[in-house]
């Protein structure tokens, strides 16, 4: 995936998370998962295990941009998936 950010700034962390999510979805275009699943499966866990809130913010931004869509599950979890009408670029 991506190399860990060396600057450590929130913006660069967001960019890295964004790139990792979009790269994963480019390789797995039918993937759909909850925030917990995104953290555990889509992203390099050692890098992001303490960044759940930041990841949730990036996912919300990707939804707002129309690149992802989200559906609320009966248990209250949110499922994220690629918006089939838009093809993201991981850059």
PDB file of N, CA and C in Angstrom:
ATOM      1  N   UNK A   1       0.834  -1.177   0.000  1.00  0.00           N
ATOM      2  CA  UNK A   1       0.000   0.000   0.000  1.00  0.00           C
ATOM      3  C   UNK A   1       0.880   1.242   0.000  1.00  0.00           C
ATOM      4  N   UNK A   2       0.717   2.080   1.000  1.00  0.00           N
ATOM      5  CA  UNK A   2       1.466   3.324   1.044  1.00  0.00           C
ATOM      6  C   UNK A   2       2.475   3.276   2.170  1.00  0.00           C
ATOM      7  N   UNK A   3       3.475   4.136   2.066  1.00  0.00           N
ATOM      8  CA  UNK A   3       4.452   4.250   3.128  1.00  0.00           C
ATOM      9  C   UNK A   3       3.888   5.145   4.221  1.00  0.00           C
ATOM     10  N   UNK A   4       4.270   4.900   5.473  1.00  0.00           N
ATOM     11  CA  UNK A   4       3.813   5.781   6.539  1.00  0.00           C
ATOM     12  C   UNK A   4       4.255   7.209   6.291  1.00  0.00           C
ATOM     13  N   UNK A   5       3.417   8.148   6.698  1.00  0.00           N
ATOM     14  CA  UNK A   5       3.711   9.567   6.533  1.00  0.00           C
ATOM     15  C   UNK A   5       4.893   9.946   7.405  1.00  0.00           C
ATOM     16  N   UNK A   6       5.797  10.724   6.854  1.00  0.00           N
ATOM     17  CA  UNK A   6       6.934  11.172   7.645  1.00  0.00           C
ATOM     18  C   UNK A   6       6.666  12.522   8.283  1.00  0.00           C
ATOM     19  N   UNK A   7       5.731  13.296   7.729  1.00  0.00           N
ATOM     20  CA  UNK A   7       5.483  14.618   8.288  1.00  0.00           C
ATOM     21  C   UNK A   7       4.594  14.558   9.519  1.00  0.00           C
ATOM     22  N   UNK A   8       3.699  13.575   9.573  1.00  0.00           N
ATOM     23  CA  UNK A   8       2.843  13.425  10.728  1.00  0.00           C
ATOM     24  C   UNK A   8       1.734  14.442  10.828  1.00  0.00           C
ATOM     25  N   UNK A   9       1.562  15.313   9.838  1.00  0.00           N
ATOM     26  CA  UNK A   9       0.505  16.314   9.912  1.00  0.00           C
ATOM     27  C   UNK A   9      -0.843  15.670   9.647  1.00  0.00           C
ATOM     28  N   UNK A  10      -1.907  16.203  10.241  1.00  0.00           N
ATOM     29  CA  UNK A  10      -3.242  15.637  10.014  1.00  0.00           C
ATOM     30  C   UNK A  10      -3.626  15.584   8.534  1.00  0.00           C
ATOM     31  N   UNK A  11      -3.281  16.621   7.762  1.00  0.00           N
ATOM     32  CA  UNK A  11      -3.636  16.646   6.339  1.00  0.00           C
ATOM     33  C   UNK A  11      -2.922  15.528   5.589  1.00  0.00           C
ATOM     34  N   UNK A  12      -1.649  15.308   5.883  1.00  0.00           N
ATOM     35  CA  UNK A  12      -0.925  14.246   5.190  1.00  0.00           C
ATOM     36  C   UNK A  12      -1.438  12.881   5.628  1.00  0.00           C
ATOM     37  N   UNK A  13      -1.826  12.737   6.900  1.00  0.00           N
ATOM     38  CA  UNK A  13      -2.428  11.490   7.367  1.00  0.00           C
ATOM     39  C   UNK A  13      -3.743  11.234   6.639  1.00  0.00           C
ATOM     40  N   UNK A  14      -4.559  12.280   6.482  1.00  0.00           N
ATOM     41  CA  UNK A  14      -5.829  12.137   5.760  1.00  0.00           C
ATOM     42  C   UNK A  14      -5.579  11.726   4.321  1.00  0.00           C
ATOM     43  N   UNK A  15      -4.599  12.346   3.680  1.00  0.00           N
ATOM     44  CA  UNK A  15      -4.266  12.001   2.298  1.00  0.00           C
ATOM     45  C   UNK A  15      -3.825  10.544   2.198  1.00  0.00           C
ATOM     46  N   UNK A  16      -3.051  10.086   3.159  1.00  0.00           N
ATOM     47  CA  UNK A  16      -2.580   8.702   3.147  1.00  0.00           C
ATOM     48  C   UNK A  16      -3.742   7.724   3.332  1.00  0.00           C
ATOM     49  N   UNK A  17      -4.642   8.045   4.254  1.00  0.00           N
ATOM     50  CA  UNK A  17      -5.820   7.192   4.467  1.00  0.00           C
ATOM     51  C   UNK A  17      -6.668   7.181   3.207  1.00  0.00           C
ATOM     52  N   UNK A  18      -6.897   8.342   2.637  1.00  0.00           N
ATOM     53  CA  UNK A  18      -7.690   8.456   1.408  1.00  0.00           C
ATOM     54  C   UNK A  18      -7.085   7.593   0.306  1.00  0.00           C
ATOM     55  N   UNK A  19      -5.780   7.725   0.098  1.00  0.00           N
ATOM     56  CA  UNK A  19      -5.101   6.951  -0.936  1.00  0.00           C
ATOM     57  C   UNK A  19      -5.242   5.450  -0.673  1.00  0.00           C
ATOM     58  N   UNK A  20      -5.069   5.041   0.570  1.00  0.00           N
ATOM     59  CA  UNK A  20      -5.158   3.618   0.916  1.00  0.00           C
ATOM     60  C   UNK A  20      -6.563   3.072   0.683  1.00  0.00           C
ATOM     61  N   UNK A  21      -7.590   3.836   1.066  1.00  0.00           N
ATOM     62  CA  UNK A  21      -8.980   3.394   0.861  1.00  0.00           C
ATOM     63  C   UNK A  21      -9.269   3.266  -0.629  1.00  0.00           C
ATOM     64  N   UNK A  22      -8.908   4.285  -1.397  1.00  0.00           N
ATOM     65  CA  UNK A  22      -9.197   4.251  -2.832  1.00  0.00           C
ATOM     66  C   UNK A  22      -8.375   3.181  -3.559  1.00  0.00           C
ATOM     67  N   UNK A  23      -7.144   2.956  -3.133  1.00  0.00           N
ATOM     68  CA  UNK A  23      -6.318   1.905  -3.737  1.00  0.00           C
ATOM     69  C   UNK A  23      -6.928   0.536  -3.449  1.00  0.00           C
ATOM     70  N   UNK A  24      -7.381   0.332  -2.225  1.00  0.00           N
ATOM     71  CA  UNK A  24      -8.021  -0.942  -1.880  1.00  0.00           C
ATOM     72  C   UNK A  24      -9.254  -1.154  -2.748  1.00  0.00           C
ATOM     73  N   UNK A  25     -10.067  -0.119  -2.891  1.00  0.00           N
ATOM     74  CA  UNK A  25     -11.295  -0.241  -3.678  1.00  0.00           C
ATOM     75  C   UNK A  25     -11.009  -0.407  -5.164  1.00  0.00           C
ATOM     76  N   UNK A  26      -9.913   0.130  -5.624  1.00  0.00           N
ATOM     77  CA  UNK A  26      -9.544  -0.083  -7.020  1.00  0.00           C
ATOM     78  C   UNK A  26      -9.217  -1.562  -7.251  1.00  0.00           C
ATOM     79  N   UNK A  27      -8.570  -2.191  -6.278  1.00  0.00           N
ATOM     80  CA  UNK A  27      -8.254  -3.616  -6.364  1.00  0.00           C
ATOM     81  C   UNK A  27      -9.445  -4.509  -6.041  1.00  0.00           C
ATOM     82  N   UNK A  28     -10.383  -3.998  -5.251  1.00  0.00           N
ATOM     83  CA  UNK A  28     -11.558  -4.762  -4.810  1.00  0.00           C
ATOM     84  C   UNK A  28     -12.820  -3.918  -5.025  1.00  0.00           C
ATOM     85  N   UNK A  29     -13.229  -3.666  -6.278  1.00  0.00           N
ATOM     86  CA  UNK A  29     -14.313  -2.721  -6.548  1.00  0.00           C
ATOM     87  C   UNK A  29     -15.673  -3.132  -5.992  1.00  0.00           C
ATOM     88  N   UNK A  30     -15.866  -4.366  -5.640  1.00  0.00           N
ATOM     89  CA  UNK A  30     -17.132  -4.809  -5.057  1.00  0.00           C
ATOM     90  C   UNK A  30     -17.092  -4.859  -3.532  1.00  0.00           C
ATOM     91  N   UNK A  31     -16.018  -4.397  -2.947  1.00  0.00           N
ATOM     92  CA  UNK A  31     -15.876  -4.411  -1.490  1.00  0.00           C
ATOM     93  C   UNK A  31     -16.877  -3.462  -0.846  1.00  0.00           C
ATOM     94  N   UNK A  32     -17.367  -3.861   0.304  1.00  0.00           N
ATOM     95  CA  UNK A  32     -18.241  -3.028   1.130  1.00  0.00           C
ATOM     96  C   UNK A  32     -18.008  -3.453   2.568  1.00  0.00           C
ATOM     97  N   UNK A  33     -17.868  -2.492   3.460  1.00  0.00           N
ATOM     98  CA  UNK A  33     -17.596  -2.866   4.841  1.00  0.00           C
ATOM     99  C   UNK A  33     -17.948  -1.733   5.779  1.00  0.00           C
ATOM    100  N   UNK A  34     -18.014  -2.074   7.056  1.00  0.00           N
ATOM    101  CA  UNK A  34     -18.252  -1.111   8.123  1.00  0.00           C
ATOM    102  C   UNK A  34     -16.942  -0.403   8.448  1.00  0.00           C
ATOM    103  N   UNK A  35     -17.016   0.632   9.265  1.00  0.00           N
ATOM    104  CA  UNK A  35     -15.805   1.318   9.705  1.00  0.00           C
ATOM    105  C   UNK A  35     -14.845   0.313  10.329  1.00  0.00           C
ATOM    106  N   UNK A  36     -15.357  -0.567  11.169  1.00  0.00           N
ATOM    107  CA  UNK A  36     -14.510  -1.580  11.813  1.00  0.00           C
ATOM    108  C   UNK A  36     -13.828  -2.457  10.757  1.00  0.00           C
ATOM    109  N   UNK A  37     -14.581  -2.856   9.726  1.00  0.00           N
ATOM    110  CA  UNK A  37     -14.016  -3.668   8.655  1.00  0.00           C
ATOM    111  C   UNK A  37     -12.994  -2.899   7.840  1.00  0.00           C
ATOM    112  N   UNK A  38     -13.278  -1.628   7.574  1.00  0.00           N
ATOM    113  CA  UNK A  38     -12.322  -0.802   6.832  1.00  0.00           C
ATOM    114  C   UNK A  38     -11.010  -0.724   7.617  1.00  0.00           C
ATOM    115  N   UNK A  39     -11.113  -0.460   8.910  1.00  0.00           N
ATOM    116  CA  UNK A  39      -9.915  -0.356   9.748  1.00  0.00           C
ATOM    117  C   UNK A  39      -9.165  -1.686   9.786  1.00  0.00           C
ATOM    118  N   UNK A  40      -9.910  -2.799   9.925  1.00  0.00           N
ATOM    119  CA  UNK A  40      -9.271  -4.103  10.084  1.00  0.00           C
ATOM    120  C   UNK A  40      -8.790  -4.740   8.790  1.00  0.00           C
ATOM    121  N   UNK A  41      -9.447  -4.450   7.661  1.00  0.00           N
ATOM    122  CA  UNK A  41      -9.154  -5.180   6.434  1.00  0.00           C
ATOM    123  C   UNK A  41      -8.643  -4.318   5.293  1.00  0.00           C
ATOM    124  N   UNK A  42      -9.126  -3.103   5.147  1.00  0.00           N
ATOM    125  CA  UNK A  42      -8.761  -2.297   3.985  1.00  0.00           C
ATOM    126  C   UNK A  42      -7.451  -1.556   4.181  1.00  0.00           C
ATOM    127  N   UNK A  43      -7.077  -1.291   5.404  1.00  0.00           N
ATOM    128  CA  UNK A  43      -5.915  -0.458   5.687  1.00  0.00           C
ATOM    129  C   UNK A  43      -4.843  -1.258   6.416  1.00  0.00           C
ATOM    130  N   UNK A  44      -3.577  -0.888   6.232  1.00  0.00           N
ATOM    131  CA  UNK A  44      -2.512  -1.568   6.979  1.00  0.00           C
ATOM    132  C   UNK A  44      -2.712  -1.323   8.473  1.00  0.00           C
ATOM    133  N   UNK A  45      -3.121  -2.352   9.174  1.00  0.00           N
ATOM    134  CA  UNK A  45      -3.565  -2.191  10.555  1.00  0.00           C
ATOM    135  C   UNK A  45      -2.505  -1.583  11.471  1.00  0.00           C
ATOM    136  N   UNK A  46      -1.265  -1.946  11.312  1.00  0.00           N
ATOM    137  CA  UNK A  46      -0.248  -1.417  12.212  1.00  0.00           C
ATOM    138  C   UNK A  46      -0.154   0.102  12.120  1.00  0.00           C
ATOM    139  N   UNK A  47      -0.517   0.667  10.997  1.00  0.00           N
ATOM    140  CA  UNK A  47      -0.431   2.116  10.809  1.00  0.00           C
ATOM    141  C   UNK A  47      -1.654   2.838  11.347  1.00  0.00           C
ATOM    142  N   UNK A  48      -2.799   2.199  11.297  1.00  0.00           N
ATOM    143  CA  UNK A  48      -4.047   2.903  11.553  1.00  0.00           C
ATOM    144  C   UNK A  48      -4.823   2.430  12.777  1.00  0.00           C
ATOM    145  N   UNK A  49      -4.295   1.520  13.546  1.00  0.00           N
ATOM    146  CA  UNK A  49      -5.101   0.946  14.615  1.00  0.00           C
ATOM    147  C   UNK A  49      -5.577   1.980  15.631  1.00  0.00           C
ATOM    148  N   UNK A  50      -4.873   3.094  15.777  1.00  0.00           N
ATOM    149  CA  UNK A  50      -5.283   4.138  16.718  1.00  0.00           C
ATOM    150  C   UNK A  50      -5.912   5.338  16.026  1.00  0.00           C
ATOM    151  N   UNK A  51      -6.262   5.211  14.760  1.00  0.00           N
ATOM    152  CA  UNK A  51      -6.757   6.344  13.984  1.00  0.00           C
ATOM    153  C   UNK A  51      -8.213   6.191  13.565  1.00  0.00           C
ATOM    154  N   UNK A  52      -8.999   5.474  14.304  1.00  0.00           N
ATOM    155  CA  UNK A  52     -10.379   5.188  13.924  1.00  0.00           C
ATOM    156  C   UNK A  52     -11.181   6.459  13.626  1.00  0.00           C
ATOM    157  N   UNK A  53     -11.085   7.464  14.473  1.00  0.00           N
ATOM    158  CA  UNK A  53     -11.852   8.700  14.279  1.00  0.00           C
ATOM    159  C   UNK A  53     -11.414   9.410  13.002  1.00  0.00           C
ATOM    160  N   UNK A  54     -10.113   9.481  12.744  1.00  0.00           N
ATOM    161  CA  UNK A  54      -9.603  10.129  11.538  1.00  0.00           C
ATOM    162  C   UNK A  54     -10.065   9.366  10.300  1.00  0.00           C
ATOM    163  N   UNK A  55     -10.037   8.045  10.359  1.00  0.00           N
ATOM    164  CA  UNK A  55     -10.496   7.226   9.228  1.00  0.00           C
ATOM    165  C   UNK A  55     -11.971   7.478   8.973  1.00  0.00           C
ATOM    166  N   UNK A  56     -12.757   7.559  10.032  1.00  0.00           N
ATOM    167  CA  UNK A  56     -14.181   7.828   9.880  1.00  0.00           C
ATOM    168  C   UNK A  56     -14.400   9.185   9.199  1.00  0.00           C
ATOM    169  N   UNK A  57     -13.602  10.184   9.553  1.00  0.00           N
ATOM    170  CA  UNK A  57     -13.707  11.504   8.927  1.00  0.00           C
ATOM    171  C   UNK A  57     -13.359  11.435   7.442  1.00  0.00           C
ATOM    172  N   UNK A  58     -12.322  10.688   7.095  1.00  0.00           N
ATOM    173  CA  UNK A  58     -11.937  10.551   5.684  1.00  0.00           C
ATOM    174  C   UNK A  58     -13.032   9.821   4.912  1.00  0.00           C
ATOM    175  N   UNK A  59     -13.587   8.754   5.496  1.00  0.00           N
ATOM    176  CA  UNK A  59     -14.676   8.041   4.831  1.00  0.00           C
ATOM    177  C   UNK A  59     -15.869   8.968   4.615  1.00  0.00           C
ATOM    178  N   UNK A  60     -16.185   9.793   5.604  1.00  0.00           N
ATOM    179  CA  UNK A  60     -17.298  10.744   5.466  1.00  0.00           C
ATOM    180  C   UNK A  60     -17.013  11.737   4.337  1.00  0.00           C
ATOM    181  N   UNK A  61     -15.771  12.183   4.215  1.00  0.00           N
ATOM    182  CA  UNK A  61     -15.411  13.104   3.137  1.00  0.00           C
ATOM    183  C   UNK A  61     -15.545  12.424   1.776  1.00  0.00           C
ATOM    184  N   UNK A  62     -15.144  11.151   1.682  1.00  0.00           N
ATOM    185  CA  UNK A  62     -15.280  10.415   0.423  1.00  0.00           C
ATOM    186  C   UNK A  62     -16.753  10.219   0.063  1.00  0.00           C
ATOM    187  N   UNK A  63     -17.605  10.035   1.073  1.00  0.00           N
ATOM    188  CA  UNK A  63     -19.049   9.954   0.830  1.00  0.00           C
ATOM    189  C   UNK A  63     -19.558  11.298   0.330  1.00  0.00           C
ATOM    190  N   UNK A  64     -19.132  12.380   0.981  1.00  0.00           N
ATOM    191  CA  UNK A  64     -19.568  13.723   0.584  1.00  0.00           C
ATOM    192  C   UNK A  64     -19.146  14.052  -0.851  1.00  0.00           C
ATOM    193  N   UNK A  65     -17.992  13.536  -1.268  1.00  0.00           N
ATOM    194  CA  UNK A  65     -17.515  13.757  -2.636  1.00  0.00           C
ATOM    195  C   UNK A  65     -18.227  12.866  -3.649  1.00  0.00           C
ATOM    196  N   UNK A  66     -18.995  11.901  -3.154  1.00  0.00           N
ATOM    197  CA  UNK A  66     -19.701  11.000  -4.047  1.00  0.00           C
ATOM    198  C   UNK A  66     -18.878   9.810  -4.501  1.00  0.00           C
ATOM    199  N   UNK A  67     -17.680   9.629  -3.953  1.00  0.00           N
ATOM    200  CA  UNK A  67     -16.837   8.501  -4.349  1.00  0.00           C
ATOM    201  C   UNK A  67     -17.259   7.209  -3.655  1.00  0.00           C
ATOM    202  N   UNK A  68     -17.758   7.331  -2.430  1.00  0.00           N
ATOM    203  CA  UNK A  68     -18.282   6.183  -1.693  1.00  0.00           C
ATOM    204  C   UNK A  68     -19.745   6.452  -1.375  1.00  0.00           C
ATOM    205  N   UNK A  69     -20.468   5.381  -1.073  1.00  0.00           N
ATOM    206  CA  UNK A  69     -21.797   5.560  -0.497  1.00  0.00           C
ATOM    207  C   UNK A  69     -21.829   4.760   0.792  1.00  0.00           C
ATOM    208  N   UNK A  70     -22.750   5.123   1.644  1.00  0.00           N
ATOM    209  CA  UNK A  70     -22.864   4.408   2.916  1.00  0.00           C
ATOM    210  C   UNK A  70     -24.305   4.039   3.159  1.00  0.00           C
ATOM    211  N   UNK A  71     -24.474   2.907   3.800  1.00  0.00           N
ATOM    212  CA  UNK A  71     -25.794   2.414   4.181  1.00  0.00           C
ATOM    213  C   UNK A  71     -25.745   2.034   5.649  1.00  0.00           C
ATOM    214  N   UNK A  72     -26.788   2.414   6.375  1.00  0.00           N
ATOM    215  CA  UNK A  72     -26.866   2.051   7.791  1.00  0.00           C
ATOM    216  C   UNK A  72     -27.473   0.661   7.898  1.00  0.00           C
ATOM    217  N   UNK A  73     -26.801  -0.210   8.651  1.00  0.00           N
ATOM    218  CA  UNK A  73     -27.267  -1.571   8.866  1.00  0.00           C
ATOM    219  C   UNK A  73     -28.250  -1.599  10.037  1.00  0.00           C
ATOM    220  N   UNK A  74     -29.037  -2.661  10.151  1.00  0.00           N
ATOM    221  CA  UNK A  74     -30.027  -2.735  11.241  1.00  0.00           C
ATOM    222  C   UNK A  74     -29.421  -2.587  12.641  1.00  0.00           C
ATOM    223  N   UNK A  75     -28.161  -3.015  12.809  1.00  0.00           N
ATOM    224  CA  UNK A  75     -27.538  -2.912  14.133  1.00  0.00           C
ATOM    225  C   UNK A  75     -26.925  -1.533  14.395  1.00  0.00           C
ATOM    226  N   UNK A  76     -27.079  -0.594  13.425  1.00  0.00           N
ATOM    227  CA  UNK A  76     -26.563   0.753  13.599  1.00  0.00           C
ATOM    228  C   UNK A  76     -25.203   0.986  12.966  1.00  0.00           C
ATOM    229  N   UNK A  77     -24.483  -0.075  12.627  1.00  0.00           N
ATOM    230  CA  UNK A  77     -23.199   0.072  11.935  1.00  0.00           C
ATOM    231  C   UNK A  77     -23.447   0.695  10.566  1.00  0.00           C
ATOM    232  N   UNK A  78     -22.426   1.303  10.003  1.00  0.00           N
ATOM    233  CA  UNK A  78     -22.520   1.911   8.676  1.00  0.00           C
ATOM    234  C   UNK A  78     -21.646   1.102   7.729  1.00  0.00           C
ATOM    235  N   UNK A  79     -22.201   0.766   6.572  1.00  0.00           N
ATOM    236  CA  UNK A  79     -21.498   0.007   5.548  1.00  0.00           C
ATOM    237  C   UNK A  79     -21.038   0.979   4.463  1.00  0.00           C
ATOM    238  N   UNK A  80     -19.744   0.962   4.130  1.00  0.00           N
ATOM    239  CA  UNK A  80     -19.163   1.826   3.098  1.00  0.00           C
ATOM    240  C   UNK A  80     -18.847   0.997   1.867  1.00  0.00           C
ATOM    241  N   UNK A  81     -19.096   1.540   0.688  1.00  0.00           N
ATOM    242  CA  UNK A  81     -18.789   0.859  -0.570  1.00  0.00           C
ATOM    243  C   UNK A  81     -18.527   1.893  -1.651  1.00  0.00           C
ATOM    244  N   UNK A  82     -17.890   1.440  -2.708  1.00  0.00           N
ATOM    245  CA  UNK A  82     -17.608   2.286  -3.851  1.00  0.00           C
ATOM    246  C   UNK A  82     -18.910   2.728  -4.500  1.00  0.00           C
ATOM    247  N   UNK A  83     -19.005   4.016  -4.827  1.00  0.00           N
ATOM    248  CA  UNK A  83     -20.147   4.514  -5.581  1.00  0.00           C
ATOM    249  C   UNK A  83     -19.932   4.073  -7.016  1.00  0.00           C
ATOM    250  N   UNK A  84     -20.746   3.173  -7.495  1.00  0.00           N
ATOM    251  CA  UNK A  84     -20.554   2.570  -8.813  1.00  0.00           C
ATOM    252  C   UNK A  84     -20.672   3.588  -9.949  1.00  0.00           C
ATOM    253  N   UNK A  85     -21.213   4.750  -9.682  1.00  0.00           N
ATOM    254  CA  UNK A  85     -21.375   5.770 -10.710  1.00  0.00           C
ATOM    255  C   UNK A  85     -20.126   6.627 -10.878  1.00  0.00           C
ATOM    256  N   UNK A  86     -19.171   6.511  -9.965  1.00  0.00           N
ATOM    257  CA  UNK A  86     -17.931   7.288 -10.048  1.00  0.00           C
ATOM    258  C   UNK A  86     -16.762   6.349  -9.884  1.00  0.00           C
ATOM    259  N   UNK A  87     -15.726   6.538 -10.649  1.00  0.00           N
ATOM    260  CA  UNK A  87     -14.511   5.741 -10.546  1.00  0.00           C
ATOM    261  C   UNK A  87     -13.418   6.627  -9.947  1.00  0.00           C
ATOM    262  N   UNK A  88     -13.003   6.357  -8.712  1.00  0.00           N
ATOM    263  CA  UNK A  88     -11.980   7.201  -8.075  1.00  0.00           C
ATOM    264  C   UNK A  88     -10.589   6.928  -8.602  1.00  0.00           C
ATOM    265  N   UNK A  89      -9.763   7.933  -8.456  1.00  0.00           N
ATOM    266  CA  UNK A  89      -8.337   7.789  -8.723  1.00  0.00           C
ATOM    267  C   UNK A  89      -7.642   7.765  -7.373  1.00  0.00           C
ATOM    268  N   UNK A  90      -6.750   6.810  -7.116  1.00  0.00           N
ATOM    269  CA  UNK A  90      -6.114   6.743  -5.782  1.00  0.00           C
ATOM    270  C   UNK A  90      -5.101   7.849  -5.562  1.00  0.00           C
ATOM    271  N   UNK A  91      -4.895   8.739  -6.501  1.00  0.00           N
ATOM    272  CA  UNK A  91      -3.880   9.804  -6.356  1.00  0.00           C
ATOM    273  C   UNK A  91      -4.497  11.072  -5.861  1.00  0.00           C
TER     274      UNK A  91
END
